[in-house]
Amino acid sequence: MNVPLDTLFELSEFFKFFGDTTRIRILQILLGGEISVNDIAGKLNLEQSVVSHQLRILRTANLIKPRRDGRKMFYSLDDEHIGSIFKIGLSHILHKKEGR
């Protein structure tokens, strides 16, 4: 496969967004479907400001999408690819752990 260098650079940048435990935990929660910022913060036992900061980063990377309902913001995964990437990565980690 001959992939242009600029595309490989974009792929490298894309995977950087998966390099933070808080963002990974948020993505795991969003696998279950749309959820509010307050509920994410509650599930993670983190301040809403911390969660909002990470959501902003994930949004900028087009990994998640927002929906406003009145004063509340809800988030979900941007598309099925994000969930697939998460699940494949997790499967790889679990497979390696089983082999130990």
Protein backbone atom coordinates (compact mmCIF):
# COMPACT_ATOMS: atom_id res chain seq x y z
CA MET A 1 0.00 0.00 0.00
CA ASN A 2 1.48 3.33 -1.05
CA VAL A 3 0.00 6.00 1.20
CA PRO A 4 1.07 9.62 0.70
CA LEU A 5 3.24 11.06 3.46
CA ASP A 6 0.75 13.83 4.29
CA THR A 7 -1.97 11.22 4.84
CA LEU A 8 0.31 9.23 7.14
CA PHE A 9 0.99 12.45 9.05
CA GLU A 10 -2.78 12.96 9.47
CA LEU A 11 -3.11 9.38 10.72
CA SER A 12 -0.34 9.96 13.24
CA GLU A 13 -2.06 13.12 14.48
CA PHE A 14 -5.39 11.24 14.69
CA PHE A 15 -3.94 8.54 16.95
CA LYS A 16 -2.48 11.13 19.31
CA PHE A 17 -6.00 11.91 20.49
CA PHE A 18 -6.25 8.36 21.85
CA GLY A 19 -3.12 8.94 23.96
CA ASP A 20 -4.82 10.28 27.09
CA THR A 21 -6.48 8.07 29.71
CA THR A 22 -9.26 10.57 30.47
CA ARG A 23 -10.15 10.84 26.77
CA ILE A 24 -10.14 7.04 26.46
CA ARG A 25 -12.44 6.78 29.47
CA ILE A 26 -14.79 9.33 27.89
CA LEU A 27 -14.82 7.41 24.61
CA GLN A 28 -15.60 4.21 26.52
CA ILE A 29 -18.62 5.90 28.12
CA LEU A 30 -19.77 7.24 24.74
CA LEU A 31 -19.75 3.71 23.32
CA GLY A 32 -22.99 3.33 25.30
CA GLY A 33 -24.63 6.20 23.43
CA GLU A 34 -25.32 9.90 23.85
CA ILE A 35 -24.77 11.33 27.32
CA SER A 36 -24.63 14.74 28.98
CA VAL A 37 -21.45 16.43 30.17
CA ASN A 38 -22.69 16.29 33.78
CA ASP A 39 -23.33 12.57 33.55
CA ILE A 40 -19.88 11.94 32.04
CA ALA A 41 -18.28 13.93 34.87
CA GLY A 42 -20.29 11.95 37.41
CA LYS A 43 -19.33 8.58 35.94
CA LEU A 44 -15.65 9.56 35.89
CA ASN A 45 -15.77 11.29 39.28
CA LEU A 46 -14.15 14.37 37.73
CA GLU A 47 -14.96 18.06 37.74
CA GLN A 48 -17.13 19.19 34.85
CA SER A 49 -14.43 21.66 33.75
CA VAL A 50 -11.89 18.81 33.34
CA VAL A 51 -14.37 16.78 31.31
CA SER A 52 -15.36 19.80 29.21
CA HIS A 53 -11.72 20.46 28.35
CA GLN A 54 -11.22 16.87 27.16
CA LEU A 55 -14.51 16.94 25.25
CA ARG A 56 -13.33 20.08 23.47
CA ILE A 57 -10.17 18.25 22.37
CA LEU A 58 -12.15 15.23 21.18
CA ARG A 59 -14.56 17.51 19.34
CA THR A 60 -11.74 19.36 17.60
CA ALA A 61 -10.43 15.97 16.41
CA ASN A 62 -13.89 15.05 15.07
CA LEU A 63 -14.05 12.00 17.34
CA ILE A 64 -17.27 13.12 19.02
CA LYS A 65 -20.21 15.35 18.16
CA PRO A 66 -22.29 17.63 20.38
CA ARG A 67 -26.01 18.19 20.62
CA ARG A 68 -27.57 20.99 22.63
CA ASP A 69 -30.90 20.55 24.39
CA GLY A 70 -31.73 23.82 26.11
CA ARG A 71 -28.84 24.54 28.46
CA LYS A 72 -27.53 20.97 28.45
CA MET A 73 -24.90 19.61 26.09
CA PHE A 74 -24.95 15.98 25.06
CA TYR A 75 -22.16 14.13 23.31
CA SER A 76 -21.90 10.99 21.21
CA LEU A 77 -19.26 9.34 19.07
CA ASP A 78 -18.90 11.04 15.70
CA ASP A 79 -19.47 7.79 13.79
CA GLU A 80 -19.11 4.02 14.01
CA HIS A 81 -15.44 4.14 13.02
CA ILE A 82 -14.46 5.68 16.36
CA GLY A 83 -16.14 2.86 18.29
CA SER A 84 -14.51 0.29 16.02
CA ILE A 85 -11.04 1.77 16.55
CA PHE A 86 -11.57 1.77 20.31
CA LYS A 87 -12.84 -1.82 20.34
CA ILE A 88 -10.04 -3.13 18.10
CA GLY A 89 -7.39 -1.43 20.25
CA LEU A 90 -8.93 -2.84 23.43
CA SER A 91 -9.18 -6.29 21.88
CA HIS A 92 -5.48 -6.15 20.99
CA ILE A 93 -4.54 -5.17 24.56
CA LEU A 94 -6.71 -7.90 26.11
CA HIS A 95 -5.34 -10.50 23.67
CA LYS A 96 -1.78 -9.61 24.65
CA LYS A 97 -2.67 -9.80 28.36
CA GLU A 98 -4.20 -13.27 27.91
CA GLY A 99 -1.00 -14.48 26.26
CA ARG A 100 1.16 -13.66 29.28
